[in-house]
C-alpha atoms as a PDB file:
ATOM      1  CA  MET A   1      93.463 112.718 209.434  1.00  0.00           C
ATOM      2  CA  LEU A   2      94.972 109.222 209.003  1.00  0.00           C
ATOM      3  CA  LYS A   3      94.126 109.380 205.293  1.00  0.00           C
ATOM      4  CA  ILE A   4      96.027 112.651 204.946  1.00  0.00           C
ATOM      5  CA  TRP A   5      99.172 111.263 206.648  1.00  0.00           C
ATOM      6  CA  THR A   6      98.985 108.035 204.665  1.00  0.00           C
ATOM      7  CA  SER A   7      98.591 109.973 201.418  1.00  0.00           C
ATOM      8  CA  ALA A   8     101.485 112.288 202.317  1.00  0.00           C
ATOM      9  CA  ILE A   9     103.819 109.413 203.169  1.00  0.00           C
ATOM     10  CA  LEU A  10     102.804 107.500 200.055  1.00  0.00           C
ATOM     11  CA  GLY A  11     103.337 110.615 197.935  1.00  0.00           C
ATOM     12  CA  LEU A  12     106.819 111.172 199.361  1.00  0.00           C
ATOM     13  CA  ALA A  13     107.704 107.522 198.830  1.00  0.00           C
ATOM     14  CA  ILE A  14     106.561 107.618 195.211  1.00  0.00           C
ATOM     15  CA  ALA A  15     108.355 110.911 194.597  1.00  0.00           C
ATOM     16  CA  GLY A  16     111.558 109.401 195.936  1.00  0.00           C
ATOM     17  CA  CYS A  17     111.337 106.332 193.674  1.00  0.00           C
ATOM     18  CA  GLY A  18     113.585 106.499 190.678  1.00  0.00           C
ATOM     19  CA  ARG A  19     115.979 108.968 192.265  1.00  0.00           C
ATOM     20  CA  ASN A  20     119.219 107.343 193.230  1.00  0.00           C
ATOM     21  CA  THR A  21     121.159 109.616 195.508  1.00  0.00           C
ATOM     22  CA  ALA A  22     123.669 106.980 196.606  1.00  0.00           C
ATOM     23  CA  GLU A  23     127.222 107.015 195.286  1.00  0.00           C
ATOM     24  CA  PRO A  24     127.793 104.449 192.534  1.00  0.00           C
ATOM     25  CA  VAL A  25     129.476 101.303 193.750  1.00  0.00           C
ATOM     26  CA  HIS A  26     132.581 100.267 191.854  1.00  0.00           C
ATOM     27  CA  GLY A  27     133.728  96.676 191.950  1.00  0.00           C
ATOM     28  CA  PRO A  28     137.289  95.489 191.903  1.00  0.00           C
ATOM     29  CA  GLU A  29     139.472  96.450 188.972  1.00  0.00           C
ATOM     30  CA  PRO A  30     142.208  94.394 187.351  1.00  0.00           C
ATOM     31  CA  THR A  31     145.642  94.973 188.853  1.00  0.00           C
ATOM     32  CA  ALA A  32     147.823  92.149 187.512  1.00  0.00           C
ATOM     33  CA  THR A  33     148.238  91.462 183.809  1.00  0.00           C
ATOM     34  CA  ILE A  34     147.466  88.148 182.115  1.00  0.00           C
ATOM     35  CA  ASN A  35     151.220  87.575 181.849  1.00  0.00           C
ATOM     36  CA  GLU A  36     151.667  88.151 185.593  1.00  0.00           C
ATOM     37  CA  ILE A  37     148.745  85.858 186.427  1.00  0.00           C
ATOM     38  CA  MET A  38     150.286  83.150 184.242  1.00  0.00           C
ATOM     39  CA  LYS A  39     153.721  83.465 185.863  1.00  0.00           C
ATOM     40  CA  THR A  40     152.689  83.889 189.491  1.00  0.00           C
ATOM     41  CA  MET A  41     149.561  81.762 189.707  1.00  0.00           C
ATOM     42  CA  ILE A  42     148.960  79.418 186.778  1.00  0.00           C
ATOM     43  CA  VAL A  43     152.480  78.015 186.417  1.00  0.00           C
ATOM     44  CA  PRO A  44     152.994  77.198 190.125  1.00  0.00           C
ATOM     45  CA  LEU A  45     149.493  75.744 190.468  1.00  0.00           C
ATOM     46  CA  ASN A  46     149.828  73.739 187.275  1.00  0.00           C
ATOM     47  CA  ASN A  47     153.149  72.357 188.489  1.00  0.00           C
ATOM     48  CA  ALA A  48     151.500  71.250 191.725  1.00  0.00           C
ATOM     49  CA  ALA A  49     148.650  69.590 189.850  1.00  0.00           C
ATOM     50  CA  SER A  50     150.988  67.984 187.289  1.00  0.00           C
ATOM     51  CA  TYR A  51     153.749  66.468 189.392  1.00  0.00           C
ATOM     52  CA  LEU A  52     151.754  64.980 192.232  1.00  0.00           C
ATOM     53  CA  PRO A  53     149.874  62.336 190.217  1.00  0.00           C
ATOM     54  CA  GLU A  54     153.193  60.623 189.498  1.00  0.00           C
ATOM     55  CA  ALA A  55     153.832  60.195 193.230  1.00  0.00           C
ATOM     56  CA  ILE A  56     150.343  58.795 193.691  1.00  0.00           C
ATOM     57  CA  THR A  57     150.351  56.413 190.729  1.00  0.00           C
ATOM     58  CA  ASP A  58     154.025  55.435 190.431  1.00  0.00           C
ATOM     59  CA  PRO A  59     154.326  51.713 191.304  1.00  0.00           C
ATOM     60  CA  GLU A  60     157.725  52.451 192.859  1.00  0.00           C
ATOM     61  CA  THR A  61     156.046  54.588 195.534  1.00  0.00           C
ATOM     62  CA  PRO A  62     152.932  52.666 196.579  1.00  0.00           C
ATOM     63  CA  ALA A  63     150.654  54.017 199.276  1.00  0.00           C
ATOM     64  CA  GLY A  64     152.236  51.610 201.758  1.00  0.00           C
ATOM     65  CA  LEU A  65     155.664  53.115 201.136  1.00  0.00           C
ATOM     66  CA  ALA A  66     154.638  56.765 201.248  1.00  0.00           C
ATOM     67  CA  GLY A  67     151.969  56.202 203.845  1.00  0.00           C
ATOM     68  CA  ALA A  68     148.244  56.503 203.174  1.00  0.00           C
ATOM     69  CA  SER A  69     148.030  59.883 204.871  1.00  0.00           C
ATOM     70  CA  GLN A  70     150.695  61.299 202.511  1.00  0.00           C
ATOM     71  CA  VAL A  71     148.831  59.987 199.479  1.00  0.00           C
ATOM     72  CA  ASP A  72     145.597  61.531 200.801  1.00  0.00           C
ATOM     73  CA  ALA A  73     147.458  64.808 201.270  1.00  0.00           C
ATOM     74  CA  ASP A  74     148.722  64.624 197.689  1.00  0.00           C
ATOM     75  CA  TRP A  75     145.201  64.066 196.364  1.00  0.00           C
ATOM     76  CA  GLN A  76     144.088  67.098 198.385  1.00  0.00           C
ATOM     77  CA  LYS A  77     146.926  69.210 196.933  1.00  0.00           C
ATOM     78  CA  ILE A  78     145.838  68.273 193.413  1.00  0.00           C
ATOM     79  CA  HIS A  79     142.242  69.141 194.264  1.00  0.00           C
ATOM     80  CA  ASP A  80     143.223  72.489 195.779  1.00  0.00           C
ATOM     81  CA  ALA A  81     145.486  73.444 192.876  1.00  0.00           C
ATOM     82  CA  ALA A  82     142.801  72.486 190.342  1.00  0.00           C
ATOM     83  CA  LEU A  83     140.171  74.480 192.219  1.00  0.00           C
ATOM     84  CA  ALA A  84     142.447  77.530 192.269  1.00  0.00           C
ATOM     85  CA  ILE A  85     143.119  77.111 188.538  1.00  0.00           C
ATOM     86  CA  SER A  86     139.347  77.041 187.960  1.00  0.00           C
ATOM     87  CA  GLU A  87     139.188  80.652 189.179  1.00  0.00           C
ATOM     88  CA  MET A  88     141.924  81.906 186.835  1.00  0.00           C
ATOM     89  CA  PRO A  89     139.584  82.241 183.832  1.00  0.00           C
ATOM     90  CA  ASN A  90     137.556  84.705 185.899  1.00  0.00           C
ATOM     91  CA  LEU A  91     140.714  86.741 186.352  1.00  0.00           C
ATOM     92  CA  PHE A  92     141.822  86.457 182.713  1.00  0.00           C
ATOM     93  CA  THR A  93     138.489  87.601 181.342  1.00  0.00           C
ATOM     94  CA  MET A  94     137.927  90.536 183.687  1.00  0.00           C
ATOM     95  CA  GLU A  95     137.129  93.638 181.619  1.00  0.00           C
ATOM     96  CA  GLY A  96     140.114  95.930 181.294  1.00  0.00           C
ATOM     97  CA  ARG A  97     142.727  93.239 181.953  1.00  0.00           C
ATOM     98  CA  LYS A  98     145.907  93.874 179.961  1.00  0.00           C
ATOM     99  CA  VAL A  99     148.091  91.128 178.511  1.00  0.00           C
ATOM    100  CA  ALA A 100     151.219  92.847 179.843  1.00  0.00           C
ATOM    101  CA  ALA A 101     152.037  96.184 181.416  1.00  0.00           C
ATOM    102  CA  PRO A 102     152.924  98.953 178.954  1.00  0.00           C
ATOM    103  CA  GLY A 103     156.559  98.654 177.921  1.00  0.00           C
ATOM    104  CA  VAL A 104     156.941  95.141 179.330  1.00  0.00           C
ATOM    105  CA  LYS A 105     158.246  92.674 176.797  1.00  0.00           C
ATOM    106  CA  LEU A 106     156.999  89.096 177.104  1.00  0.00           C
ATOM    107  CA  GLU A 107     159.494  86.273 177.546  1.00  0.00           C
ATOM    108  CA  ASN A 108     159.531  85.150 173.894  1.00  0.00           C
ATOM    109  CA  GLU A 109     158.354  88.392 172.327  1.00  0.00           C
ATOM    110  CA  GLY A 110     160.108  89.276 169.114  1.00  0.00           C
ATOM    111  CA  GLN A 111     160.780  85.678 168.136  1.00  0.00           C
ATOM    112  CA  PRO A 112     159.125  84.664 164.868  1.00  0.00           C
ATOM    113  CA  THR A 113     156.676  82.239 166.467  1.00  0.00           C
ATOM    114  CA  TYR A 114     155.310  84.644 169.112  1.00  0.00           C
ATOM    115  CA  LEU A 115     153.079  87.691 168.987  1.00  0.00           C
ATOM    116  CA  THR A 116     153.705  90.852 170.970  1.00  0.00           C
ATOM    117  CA  ALA A 117     151.575  91.665 174.013  1.00  0.00           C
ATOM    118  CA  VAL A 118     149.851  94.397 171.983  1.00  0.00           C
ATOM    119  CA  GLN A 119     149.036  91.948 169.181  1.00  0.00           C
ATOM    120  CA  MET A 120     147.686  89.440 171.696  1.00  0.00           C
ATOM    121  CA  GLY A 121     145.521  92.096 173.321  1.00  0.00           C
ATOM    122  CA  ASP A 122     144.194  93.080 169.895  1.00  0.00           C
ATOM    123  CA  ARG A 123     143.249  89.457 169.165  1.00  0.00           C
ATOM    124  CA  ILE A 124     141.447  89.161 172.482  1.00  0.00           C
ATOM    125  CA  ARG A 125     139.500  92.372 171.822  1.00  0.00           C
ATOM    126  CA  VAL A 126     138.563  91.288 168.281  1.00  0.00           C
ATOM    127  CA  ASP A 127     137.478  87.790 169.345  1.00  0.00           C
ATOM    128  CA  ARG A 128     136.277  88.303 172.918  1.00  0.00           C
ATOM    129  CA  ALA A 129     133.673  85.548 172.501  1.00  0.00           C
ATOM    130  CA  GLY A 130     136.387  83.091 171.471  1.00  0.00           C
ATOM    131  CA  PHE A 131     138.554  84.138 174.411  1.00  0.00           C
ATOM    132  CA  LEU A 132     135.622  83.576 176.777  1.00  0.00           C
ATOM    133  CA  LYS A 133     134.985  80.157 175.205  1.00  0.00           C
ATOM    134  CA  HIS A 134     138.594  79.094 175.815  1.00  0.00           C
ATOM    135  CA  ALA A 135     138.436  80.428 179.381  1.00  0.00           C
ATOM    136  CA  LYS A 136     135.292  78.383 180.030  1.00  0.00           C
ATOM    137  CA  GLN A 137     136.984  75.263 178.663  1.00  0.00           C
ATOM    138  CA  MET A 138     139.889  75.845 181.050  1.00  0.00           C
ATOM    139  CA  GLN A 139     137.508  76.265 183.953  1.00  0.00           C
ATOM    140  CA  ASP A 140     135.513  73.142 183.097  1.00  0.00           C
ATOM    141  CA  ALA A 141     138.676  71.035 182.725  1.00  0.00           C
ATOM    142  CA  SER A 142     140.138  72.252 186.014  1.00  0.00           C
ATOM    143  CA  LEU A 143     136.860  71.541 187.834  1.00  0.00           C
ATOM    144  CA  ALA A 144     136.904  68.023 186.354  1.00  0.00           C
ATOM    145  CA  LEU A 145     140.466  67.678 187.640  1.00  0.00           C
ATOM    146  CA  ALA A 146     139.362  68.749 191.119  1.00  0.00           C
ATOM    147  CA  ALA A 147     136.479  66.261 191.022  1.00  0.00           C
ATOM    148  CA  ALA A 148     138.816  63.457 189.918  1.00  0.00           C
ATOM    149  CA  ALA A 149     141.150  64.233 192.804  1.00  0.00           C
ATOM    150  CA  THR A 150     138.254  64.224 195.259  1.00  0.00           C
ATOM    151  CA  ALA A 151     137.170  60.830 193.900  1.00  0.00           C
ATOM    152  CA  LYS A 152     140.812  59.640 193.867  1.00  0.00           C
ATOM    153  CA  ASN A 153     140.160  58.408 190.346  1.00  0.00           C
ATOM    154  CA  VAL A 154     143.449  58.120 188.458  1.00  0.00           C
ATOM    155  CA  ASP A 155     141.876  57.586 185.012  1.00  0.00           C
ATOM    156  CA  ALA A 156     139.596  60.601 185.412  1.00  0.00           C
ATOM    157  CA  LEU A 157     142.559  62.587 186.742  1.00  0.00           C
ATOM    158  CA  TYR A 158     144.641  61.950 183.632  1.00  0.00           C
ATOM    159  CA  ASP A 159     141.649  62.564 181.352  1.00  0.00           C
ATOM    160  CA  ALA A 160     140.926  65.909 183.009  1.00  0.00           C
ATOM    161  CA  ALA A 161     144.619  66.861 183.009  1.00  0.00           C
ATOM    162  CA  GLY A 162     144.715  66.190 179.261  1.00  0.00           C
ATOM    163  CA  LYS A 163     141.651  68.375 178.728  1.00  0.00           C
ATOM    164  CA  LEU A 164     143.198  71.120 180.833  1.00  0.00           C
ATOM    165  CA  GLU A 165     146.400  70.968 178.779  1.00  0.00           C
ATOM    166  CA  GLU A 166     144.355  71.051 175.572  1.00  0.00           C
ATOM    167  CA  SER A 167     142.364  74.074 176.772  1.00  0.00           C
ATOM    168  CA  CYS A 168     145.627  75.948 177.408  1.00  0.00           C
ATOM    169  CA  SER A 169     147.190  74.901 174.104  1.00  0.00           C
ATOM    170  CA  SER A 170     144.134  75.807 172.033  1.00  0.00           C
ATOM    171  CA  CYS A 171     143.868  79.238 173.685  1.00  0.00           C
ATOM    172  CA  HIS A 172     147.558  79.912 173.107  1.00  0.00           C
ATOM    173  CA  ALA A 173     147.201  78.825 169.469  1.00  0.00           C
ATOM    174  CA  ALA A 174     144.288  81.217 169.001  1.00  0.00           C
ATOM    175  CA  PHE A 175     145.657  84.248 170.843  1.00  0.00           C
ATOM    176  CA  TRP A 176     149.375  83.917 171.557  1.00  0.00           C
ATOM    177  CA  TYR A 177     150.923  82.679 168.314  1.00  0.00           C
ATOM    178  CA  PRO A 178     150.806  84.126 164.816  1.00  0.00           C
ATOM    179  CA  PRO A 179     148.434  82.498 162.345  1.00  0.00           C
ATOM    180  CA  PRO A 180     149.952  79.718 160.238  1.00  0.00           C
ATOM    181  CA  ALA A 181     151.443  80.838 156.941  1.00  0.00           C
ATOM    182  CA  PRO A 182     149.125  80.283 153.941  1.00  0.00           C
END
């Protein structure tokens, strides 16, 4: 009798394999555009990460003047801003993310040295691998910036900040501006 029950249960289990009756799970979808992410997240975070090193390294405001705890807090702010920036490439590269909302004109759109949001989106679609490469460079540079802040290493901080700036500039050159004239 035990063999019959075991066989029946095993048969039902095997019959049920391969049939997925659960509802499909959908992950998050993009809500903000790349332009909105740049304006509301990247610019403020970049400003925080850019201006604080001057307060830390300026000989006119030594740690004794500002107080060691303030300098430590500034290093932490740089770290936190850099860590937040390191997540932005994940947002930029999310499938379905638009450059700008339909009908929204970008700040410099229409000027000879800027593409339209539609043109930018087309470039990203055509060269998705290149866009992902630039996003990875941005992430790596911002993580190096966070590590430099944690180590309170001024030279590494400026090196990483330069690499972060370069990652932004090279991405903008590839996707935001028209190709150079022949």
